[in-house]
Protein backbone atom coordinates (compact mmCIF):
# COMPACT_ATOMS: atom_id res chain seq x y z
CA UNK A 1 23.61 108.62 186.02
CA UNK A 2 23.93 106.60 189.66
CA UNK A 3 22.19 103.15 188.24
CA UNK A 4 25.34 103.36 185.69
CA UNK A 5 27.90 103.25 188.23
CA UNK A 6 26.87 100.76 190.12
CA UNK A 7 27.82 96.58 189.62
CA UNK A 8 27.11 95.67 186.54
CA UNK A 9 24.56 93.17 188.36
CA UNK A 10 22.61 95.74 189.57
CA UNK A 11 22.37 97.59 186.51
CA UNK A 12 21.43 94.28 184.80
CA UNK A 13 18.90 93.45 187.16
CA UNK A 14 17.51 97.10 187.23
CA UNK A 15 17.07 97.53 183.53
CA UNK A 16 15.71 94.09 183.61
CA UNK A 17 12.29 95.27 185.79
CA UNK A 18 12.18 98.81 184.03
CA UNK A 19 8.81 98.24 182.36
CA UNK A 20 9.70 99.27 178.91
CA UNK A 21 12.18 95.99 178.32
CA UNK A 22 9.98 94.27 181.07
CA UNK A 23 6.79 94.64 179.19
CA UNK A 24 8.22 94.59 175.63
CA UNK A 25 9.88 90.96 176.38
CA UNK A 26 13.16 92.46 176.32
CA UNK A 27 16.29 90.90 178.69
CA UNK A 28 19.79 91.87 179.56
CA UNK A 29 21.34 88.70 179.52
CA UNK A 30 25.16 90.16 179.69
CA UNK A 31 26.96 92.78 181.40
CA UNK A 32 30.29 92.28 182.03
CA UNK A 33 32.45 94.45 184.89
CA UNK A 34 34.65 96.26 182.36
CA UNK A 35 31.25 98.22 180.87
CA UNK A 36 33.05 96.96 176.96
CA UNK A 37 29.82 95.06 175.65
CA UNK A 38 26.47 93.99 176.68
CA UNK A 39 24.00 91.38 175.17
CA UNK A 40 20.27 91.82 175.11
CA UNK A 41 17.67 89.09 174.30
CA UNK A 42 14.15 90.07 172.96
CA UNK A 43 11.77 86.70 173.42
CA UNK A 44 8.93 86.34 171.22
CA UNK A 45 5.77 86.88 173.21
CA UNK A 46 1.85 87.11 171.85
CA UNK A 47 2.16 90.73 173.19
CA UNK A 48 5.42 91.97 171.21
CA UNK A 49 4.19 90.01 168.16
CA UNK A 50 3.05 92.12 165.05
CA UNK A 51 0.28 91.46 162.37
CA UNK A 52 2.31 89.37 160.54
CA UNK A 53 2.74 86.78 163.28
CA UNK A 54 6.81 87.86 164.10
CA UNK A 55 8.27 90.50 166.21
CA UNK A 56 7.23 93.67 166.23
CA UNK A 57 9.94 96.49 164.47
CA UNK A 58 9.06 98.86 167.91
CA UNK A 59 10.14 96.21 170.03
CA UNK A 60 13.51 95.02 167.71
CA UNK A 61 14.51 98.81 167.83
CA UNK A 62 13.45 99.19 171.49
CA UNK A 63 16.19 96.39 172.61
CA UNK A 64 18.87 98.98 171.30
CA UNK A 65 17.94 101.92 173.07
CA UNK A 66 19.95 102.71 175.55
CA UNK A 67 23.70 100.89 174.80
CA UNK A 68 25.81 102.80 173.49
CA UNK A 69 24.90 105.69 175.62
CA UNK A 70 25.43 103.67 178.93
CA UNK A 71 28.79 101.89 177.78
CA UNK A 72 30.25 105.62 176.93
CA UNK A 73 29.05 107.15 179.62
CA UNK A 74 30.63 104.22 181.70
CA UNK A 75 33.49 104.99 180.67
CA UNK A 76 33.70 108.63 180.07
CA UNK A 77 31.95 110.27 183.22
CA UNK A 78 29.57 112.46 184.58
CA UNK A 79 32.10 115.47 182.89
CA UNK A 80 30.77 114.62 179.51
CA UNK A 81 27.08 114.99 177.68
CA UNK A 82 26.35 111.56 176.25
CA UNK A 83 23.11 111.21 174.42
CA UNK A 84 21.50 109.02 171.42
CA UNK A 85 21.40 111.72 168.48
CA UNK A 86 19.57 109.48 165.50
CA UNK A 87 18.92 106.25 164.64
CA UNK A 88 18.23 104.04 161.30
CA UNK A 89 17.01 100.93 161.29
CA UNK A 90 17.16 98.05 158.03
CA UNK A 91 14.61 94.97 158.77
CA UNK A 92 16.13 92.36 156.86
CA UNK A 93 14.02 89.41 157.44
CA UNK A 94 11.41 88.40 159.66
CA UNK A 95 12.27 87.86 163.60
CA UNK A 96 11.02 84.69 164.91
CA UNK A 97 11.10 83.46 168.85
CA UNK A 98 14.37 84.91 170.04
CA UNK A 99 16.87 87.27 168.75
CA UNK A 100 19.98 88.98 170.29
CA UNK A 101 21.75 91.80 169.81
CA UNK A 102 25.71 92.11 170.75
CA UNK A 103 26.92 96.05 171.79
CA UNK A 104 30.41 95.96 171.84
CA UNK A 105 33.16 99.05 172.77
CA UNK A 106 36.72 99.24 172.25
CA UNK A 107 39.61 101.04 174.56
CA UNK A 108 39.99 102.84 171.19
CA UNK A 109 36.51 104.03 170.26
CA UNK A 110 36.83 105.55 173.87
CA UNK A 111 40.15 107.01 174.03
CA UNK A 112 39.46 108.43 170.30
CA UNK A 113 35.81 109.96 171.59
CA UNK A 114 37.54 111.88 174.71
CA UNK A 115 39.72 112.68 172.76
CA UNK A 116 37.80 114.64 170.17
CA UNK A 117 35.70 116.11 172.80
CA UNK A 118 38.42 116.87 175.17
CA UNK A 119 38.15 120.83 173.93
CA UNK A 120 34.32 121.31 174.30
CA UNK A 121 33.64 119.96 170.57
CA UNK A 122 30.87 117.87 169.82
CA UNK A 123 31.43 114.47 168.73
CA UNK A 124 28.98 112.70 166.62
CA UNK A 125 29.71 108.85 166.71
CA UNK A 126 27.60 106.31 164.59
CA UNK A 127 27.77 102.58 166.35
CA UNK A 128 26.22 99.68 164.65
CA UNK A 129 24.74 96.29 165.55
CA UNK A 130 22.93 93.05 164.25
CA UNK A 131 20.03 91.83 165.66
CA UNK A 132 20.10 88.28 165.15
CA UNK A 133 17.95 85.24 165.51
CA UNK A 134 18.50 81.61 167.03
CA UNK A 135 20.18 81.07 164.15
CA UNK A 136 22.52 83.88 163.35
CA UNK A 137 21.34 85.35 160.68
CA UNK A 138 20.93 88.66 160.65
CA UNK A 139 17.00 90.03 161.62
CA UNK A 140 17.80 93.76 161.83
CA UNK A 141 20.59 96.36 161.54
CA UNK A 142 20.87 99.29 163.76
CA UNK A 143 22.66 102.12 163.73
CA UNK A 144 22.51 105.04 166.54
CA UNK A 145 24.32 108.24 166.32
CA UNK A 146 25.60 109.41 169.59
CA UNK A 147 26.49 112.81 170.36
CA UNK A 148 29.18 113.55 172.94
CA UNK A 149 30.38 116.83 174.25
CA UNK A 150 32.57 117.30 177.37
CA UNK A 151 30.42 119.44 179.78
CA UNK A 152 31.22 123.41 180.13
CA UNK A 153 33.00 124.37 182.68
CA UNK A 154 31.38 126.64 185.83
CA UNK A 155 33.78 129.45 187.16
CA UNK A 156 35.59 127.89 189.04
CA UNK A 157 37.49 125.46 186.42
CA UNK A 158 35.30 122.69 187.66
CA UNK A 159 32.90 121.15 185.02
CA UNK A 160 29.64 121.30 185.33
CA UNK A 161 27.56 119.40 188.08
CA UNK A 162 25.59 116.12 187.34
CA UNK A 163 22.48 118.06 187.81
CA UNK A 164 22.98 120.45 184.79
CA UNK A 165 20.79 120.00 182.06
CA UNK A 166 21.71 119.71 178.59
CA UNK A 167 20.10 119.37 175.59
CA UNK A 168 22.26 117.97 172.49
CA UNK A 169 21.69 120.80 170.10
CA UNK A 170 18.97 120.18 166.98
CA UNK A 171 17.86 122.05 164.37
CA UNK A 172 14.95 123.19 165.98
CA UNK A 173 16.70 124.49 168.52
CA UNK A 174 19.19 126.61 166.79
CA UNK A 175 19.59 130.21 167.75
CA UNK A 176 16.26 129.61 169.75
CA UNK A 177 16.64 132.18 173.46
CA UNK A 178 16.99 129.89 176.24
CA UNK A 179 18.06 126.96 174.43
CA UNK A 180 21.65 125.64 174.17
CA UNK A 181 23.00 125.48 170.79
CA UNK A 182 25.58 122.80 171.47
């Protein structure tokens, strides 16, 4: 959470040197001060091409990984558990050269999710982003489902601390001793 709470320029620079992004050719080009959007670029290199010579699908998908969660975490804060829960990717045309994705959330999205999670209920929200090439053609469409839940309060009525490990529920965890059920 410390990184997400930092100034946008610090977050952007830090994530741009983060090995999964840096070694994939992924670069955050824009992260405004309001954290309502982010723009990410994938520049094609020999190491991120597939056998057909176009953008490796894993790199296209990786460039979308943390952004919905990160934008929501910045606005909902540490009293919420926020995780990517599911994802879908549709490859539409070969990615060549540089490709871009622009993530954007609205104040209405944030308030709707905050209100739905207010009583501690889990909220499963789908977001979609298009990855486009330099001509503006859609290369891939990625949908991500984000899990949001207000953290349970401790005995003093205060939301659980940032250090509390909370895992979103999944079918393989339901009802197993020692694992949360959501």
